């Protein structure tokens, strides 16, 4: 009997004062009658050696008899410790189970039976089969297959480089690293030694790596040492790499690693370290890294496409042009040689900079079309950081300054004090400032102004907003003026314009992502003219990067803006469905206009604030109506418009 079944069996039998029928044992332990008989026969001697006799009586059942208490208590102590260790290591949640299973398959060359895995993990066969679907998908991302052999089970199959990429992800880039495959203390010491060798080599050769690139290369070398008896075999010609400076550095590094660890790494390992160095170096803008014609052409195409789809004109942004050109050279090297990278900032980038991420997805599409390279979400995330900073520069450049009227009834002296205070505090937001007497206010063309600041009540209706302030502009007054100057008059309008009662669905019947999207689009077509190819474009966008964002929310949208009139269709599903990796119940189908829209940035910020704030979602759950949703969104708009000035990327 395996220990994971022995523990509950011994516990169960010790609770009985008399014989226990086999049917009751089978039911309690969720095993078959045959399994019980086989286990008892197989481990009969093991029990006796540890002071236990299992007595059986026909028609009555089994009972446990302790014949040597010292041996028995030693066994119990051992089993309880094993149980405690197993409970600490074995995963409970689906995501943890999937990671555990991938590690399990990566750690063995042999076939593994599903029944044995289910027993080991204390889960049912059906639960395991459900998890295995996701395991297969995750492995396929690394071009690794799970092959089965009748009567033997499953094992993984893939090229050595793909296996190493997967090992890097699941053993070195997860927070649940355990000793299933790696001896942690040994690996920590080994990595420390590799770190010193790498640091010295880079210093001597005056070669710079990013911090992430430095750490990833340590991991790459660690895995190469770990799998020294599993050499890389492929048919690619790496001869051209010998002409690069990085190859000379890789040779020095390999030589030092071989000496330090008394090993012999094959020349192919030198080539792959060369690729890592080429793909992760920190590039400075000088003659050695002059921008190639290939990259120039690619950037021009990307900027043109972004202008057409999103209205952002980056063609004159030399800073963005330069950083992207420097970013593209190592990125294209990574893509050419199939080198995968990690992006620890990915979730934060997607959450905090959704508009920039969408622009980066569009750039990834252009790269695929022009060069046939498919970018991972990690690569897209790094591009998004550059676009986020560039978008802020554009937003600041085109921020419209305001014209204000100052109404002061106490004379020129006090009006000049107020004018000085206003100009001093809000000079970056003001264009024209005019001081006027109250009695002249009716005669002036108010449409040429955005705001009236008055030290006295205005007894008649005005065509523009009025804020009553003190002569010396106290803190409360300043905050009100600050709000008014930074908020565009139409900021609130998109909530009512985009969200409609007839596009709010609570009875979508689809059980898959594709079915839900098809049903939503079909029903939207009853109320909104939809362009041809909309559904295909939405599914294409999902292929680049999933639009699930946690908290059971997905925000699908087309690959490009296709609508004449923008809208957001909302579906609250009766039961959550699996979108890509996560469960989703709330679907915000966003279809943006082809026209440039100044509100698009605030729109993305508002939707993100709804999605990533559990309190907002809980408020919506209590009253899942379009009225409640729009109320929450309007409140978020006010909060976001105040916070946008403090955003790190703005």
Foldseek 3Di string as FASTA:
>chain_A
DDLLQVLVLVVVQVVDPDFDALVVSCVVSVHDSVVVVVVCVVCQVVQVVQQWHWDADPPGHIHIDGRDVVSVVVVNVVSVVVVVVLVVQADDDLVSNLLVVLVVQLQDPFADALVVVCSSNVHDSVSSVVSVVVNQVVLVVLPKHWDADPPGHTHIDDFPVSSLVSCCCSQPVDPSHDPSRPPVVVLVVQLVVLLVLLVVLCVVLVFAFDPQLSSVLSSLVSVCVVVVVRAGDDDDDLVVLVVDPLLVSLVSSQVVVCVVVVHHHDVVSSSVSSLSSLQTTQDDPDDVLDQDPLLVVLVVVLQVVCCQFAVDRCVPVVVLSVVVSRNVRSVVSCQVVVNDGDAPCLLVLCLVQVVLLLSLLLSQVSCCVVPVGFDASRSSSVSSLSSLLVVVVVCLVPPAAFEEEEEEAPDDVLSVLQVVQCCVVPVSRHDHYYYDYLVCVVVDDCVRGAEYEYCDDRPDDDPHYYDYAHSNGDPVNVVVVVLSSLDDPCLLVVLVQAEDQQLEAAEQDDQAQLSSLVVSVVSVVVPFPDDPCFSVQQVVSCVNPFQDNDPQEGETEGSGADDQGWYWRWYQYPAWHDHDPDTHGIYIYTHHHSDHDPNPSLVSNLVSCCRPDVVNVVQCVVPVHSVSVSVSSSVSSSVCSVCVVVDPSD
